[in-house]
Protein backbone atom coordinates (compact mmCIF):
# COMPACT_ATOMS: atom_id res chain seq x y z
CA UNK A 1 -0.05 0.15 0.07
CA UNK A 2 1.34 3.45 -1.03
CA UNK A 3 0.81 6.09 2.08
CA UNK A 4 -0.25 9.65 1.57
CA UNK A 5 2.39 12.23 3.30
CA UNK A 6 1.36 15.75 3.92
CA UNK A 7 1.71 18.81 6.06
CA UNK A 8 -0.93 20.57 7.83
CA UNK A 9 -1.15 23.56 10.50
CA UNK A 10 -1.43 22.83 14.11
CA UNK A 11 -1.09 25.05 17.31
CA UNK A 12 1.98 24.52 19.53
CA UNK A 13 0.54 24.01 23.11
CA UNK A 14 4.10 24.92 24.49
CA UNK A 15 4.60 27.93 22.66
CA UNK A 16 1.24 29.05 21.49
CA UNK A 17 2.29 29.52 17.83
CA UNK A 18 1.07 27.73 14.90
CA UNK A 19 3.54 25.14 13.17
CA UNK A 20 3.43 22.29 10.38
CA UNK A 21 2.98 18.99 11.33
CA UNK A 22 3.91 15.58 9.28
CA UNK A 23 0.60 13.74 8.48
CA UNK A 24 0.72 10.14 7.28
CA UNK A 25 -2.68 9.26 5.59
CA UNK A 26 -4.24 12.17 7.20
CA UNK A 27 -3.05 11.30 10.64
CA UNK A 28 -0.22 13.35 12.59
CA UNK A 29 3.10 11.37 12.77
CA UNK A 30 3.26 12.17 16.35
CA UNK A 31 -0.11 10.40 16.91
CA UNK A 32 1.32 7.27 15.13
CA UNK A 33 4.51 7.51 17.02
CA UNK A 34 2.63 7.92 20.60
CA UNK A 35 0.29 5.03 19.88
CA UNK A 36 3.17 2.82 19.60
CA UNK A 37 5.31 4.39 22.40
CA UNK A 38 2.89 6.04 24.84
CA UNK A 39 5.90 6.61 27.24
CA UNK A 40 7.20 9.30 24.89
CA UNK A 41 6.14 12.66 26.01
CA UNK A 42 3.53 14.55 23.89
CA UNK A 43 4.92 17.50 21.99
CA UNK A 44 7.35 16.00 19.43
CA UNK A 45 7.55 18.36 16.13
CA UNK A 46 8.92 18.00 12.89
CA UNK A 47 12.71 18.63 12.68
CA UNK A 48 12.31 20.15 9.41
CA UNK A 49 10.70 23.30 10.93
CA UNK A 50 12.88 26.35 10.96
CA UNK A 51 13.22 25.89 14.35
CA UNK A 52 16.55 24.58 14.95
CA UNK A 53 19.12 27.51 16.08
CA UNK A 54 22.02 25.75 15.19
CA UNK A 55 23.33 25.33 11.52
CA UNK A 56 25.13 22.07 12.28
CA UNK A 57 21.89 20.33 13.64
CA UNK A 58 20.00 21.76 10.49
CA UNK A 59 22.47 20.32 7.97
CA UNK A 60 22.42 16.73 9.45
CA UNK A 61 18.52 17.02 9.39
CA UNK A 62 18.18 18.13 5.65
CA UNK A 63 21.43 15.82 4.65
CA UNK A 64 19.61 12.99 5.77
CA UNK A 65 15.95 13.78 4.80
CA UNK A 66 16.27 11.75 1.51
CA UNK A 67 19.36 9.72 0.74
CA UNK A 68 20.82 9.07 -2.56
CA UNK A 69 19.25 6.18 -4.68
CA UNK A 70 20.37 2.63 -3.23
CA UNK A 71 21.70 4.08 -0.04
CA UNK A 72 19.87 4.50 3.53
CA UNK A 73 20.06 7.10 5.97
CA UNK A 74 19.14 7.77 9.70
CA UNK A 75 16.85 10.81 9.61
CA UNK A 76 15.70 12.74 12.73
CA UNK A 77 12.08 13.33 12.13
CA UNK A 78 10.76 14.56 15.34
CA UNK A 79 12.22 16.45 18.28
CA UNK A 80 11.12 17.65 21.54
CA UNK A 81 8.93 21.00 21.29
CA UNK A 82 10.51 22.20 24.44
CA UNK A 83 14.01 22.18 23.69
CA UNK A 84 13.94 22.48 20.03
CA UNK A 85 17.26 20.89 19.33
CA UNK A 86 18.75 17.09 18.50
CA UNK A 87 19.78 16.58 22.23
CA UNK A 88 16.29 15.80 23.93
CA UNK A 89 13.75 13.30 22.60
CA UNK A 90 14.51 12.47 19.21
CA UNK A 91 12.53 10.12 16.92
CA UNK A 92 14.55 8.64 14.13
CA UNK A 93 13.67 6.92 11.07
CA UNK A 94 15.48 4.75 8.54
CA UNK A 95 14.97 6.22 4.94
CA UNK A 96 15.94 4.79 1.48
CA UNK A 97 14.56 5.53 -2.11
CA UNK A 98 14.51 4.19 -5.46
CA UNK A 99 13.57 5.98 -8.58
CA UNK A 100 9.90 6.07 -7.67
CA UNK A 101 9.35 5.73 -3.88
CA UNK A 102 10.58 6.56 -0.64
CA UNK A 103 10.57 4.03 2.20
CA UNK A 104 10.52 4.61 6.08
CA UNK A 105 11.54 1.24 7.09
CA UNK A 106 11.69 1.58 10.96
CA UNK A 107 11.35 4.23 13.51
CA UNK A 108 13.30 4.52 16.57
CA UNK A 109 14.35 6.70 19.57
CA UNK A 110 18.01 8.12 19.36
CA UNK A 111 19.71 6.32 22.24
CA UNK A 112 23.55 7.36 21.52
CA UNK A 113 25.92 9.55 23.85
CA UNK A 114 26.67 11.80 20.48
CA UNK A 115 28.64 14.81 21.28
CA UNK A 116 28.30 16.29 17.67
CA UNK A 117 25.32 16.50 15.61
CA UNK A 118 26.66 14.18 13.01
CA UNK A 119 26.92 11.79 15.27
CA UNK A 120 23.31 11.40 15.95
CA UNK A 121 21.60 8.10 15.12
CA UNK A 122 24.83 5.98 15.66
CA UNK A 123 22.69 4.04 18.40
CA UNK A 124 18.84 3.65 18.04
CA UNK A 125 16.50 2.07 20.09
CA UNK A 126 14.10 0.79 17.11
CA UNK A 127 10.32 0.30 17.81
CA UNK A 128 8.63 -2.73 16.76
CA UNK A 129 5.06 -1.61 16.41
CA UNK A 130 5.26 0.87 13.67
CA UNK A 131 4.77 -0.60 10.22
CA UNK A 132 7.20 0.40 7.16
CA UNK A 133 5.65 3.47 5.28
CA UNK A 134 5.94 3.72 1.40
CA UNK A 135 5.50 7.37 -0.54
CA UNK A 136 5.92 8.34 -3.82
CA UNK A 137 8.86 10.08 -4.21
CA UNK A 138 7.62 13.49 -6.11
CA UNK A 139 5.16 13.78 -3.01
CA UNK A 140 7.97 13.06 -0.70
CA UNK A 141 10.15 15.97 -2.38
CA UNK A 142 7.03 18.23 -2.52
CA UNK A 143 6.71 17.77 1.25
CA UNK A 144 10.20 18.99 2.02
CA UNK A 145 9.91 21.84 -0.12
CA UNK A 146 6.73 22.90 1.45
CA UNK A 147 8.54 22.92 4.66
CA UNK A 148 11.34 25.07 3.29
CA UNK A 149 9.54 27.45 1.26
CA UNK A 150 6.62 27.83 3.63
CA UNK A 151 8.65 28.64 6.68
CA UNK A 152 11.02 31.08 5.54
CA UNK A 153 10.37 31.81 1.69
CA UNK A 154 13.41 30.52 0.41
CA UNK A 155 15.26 27.38 -0.48
CA UNK A 156 18.65 28.80 1.00
CA UNK A 157 19.70 27.61 4.37
CA UNK A 158 23.21 27.02 3.77
CA UNK A 159 25.52 26.67 0.51
CA UNK A 160 25.55 22.71 1.02
CA UNK A 161 21.68 22.68 1.58
CA UNK A 162 21.30 24.50 -1.64
CA UNK A 163 23.13 21.90 -3.25
CA UNK A 164 20.62 19.51 -1.76
CA UNK A 165 17.68 20.88 -3.02
CA UNK A 166 19.11 20.93 -6.87
CA UNK A 167 19.87 17.08 -6.14
CA UNK A 168 16.14 16.58 -4.94
CA UNK A 169 15.25 17.76 -8.40
CA UNK A 170 17.70 15.44 -9.84
CA UNK A 171 16.56 12.30 -7.80
């Protein structure tokens, strides 16, 4: 079954601000995670939001959002909305792609003692109850573009990320 991935505006109860969530088949990704891991505190938000204050953390997120064809990446997808960084509660997803689809193979909780953003995801406590998700590649790439454009109006976060956007169009 091919899943649908989209964004929707929600109100963040911690900040009182609107933000965008990732929805899978019309259901917030946070709810899907919490159904399977009720021990995780409510209030996890997409790392794709333009809320990360660290360029190094932002680079890790966007570099891992979609790997090259035939490769896998461990993508930090949801973070704690209280701390807004990669050092608190961090949900990871293993991502791979081919010419037509993007696969989210498994989800987990970041569990390493990483000292640098690039070390995030070296140890992950993988969940057992969440099924694999499959998205049409163009729909997934459109979601990534929506987060970039809707939140700050451009595609330029850093020179490397600008190159990554060009790669998205060529994947």
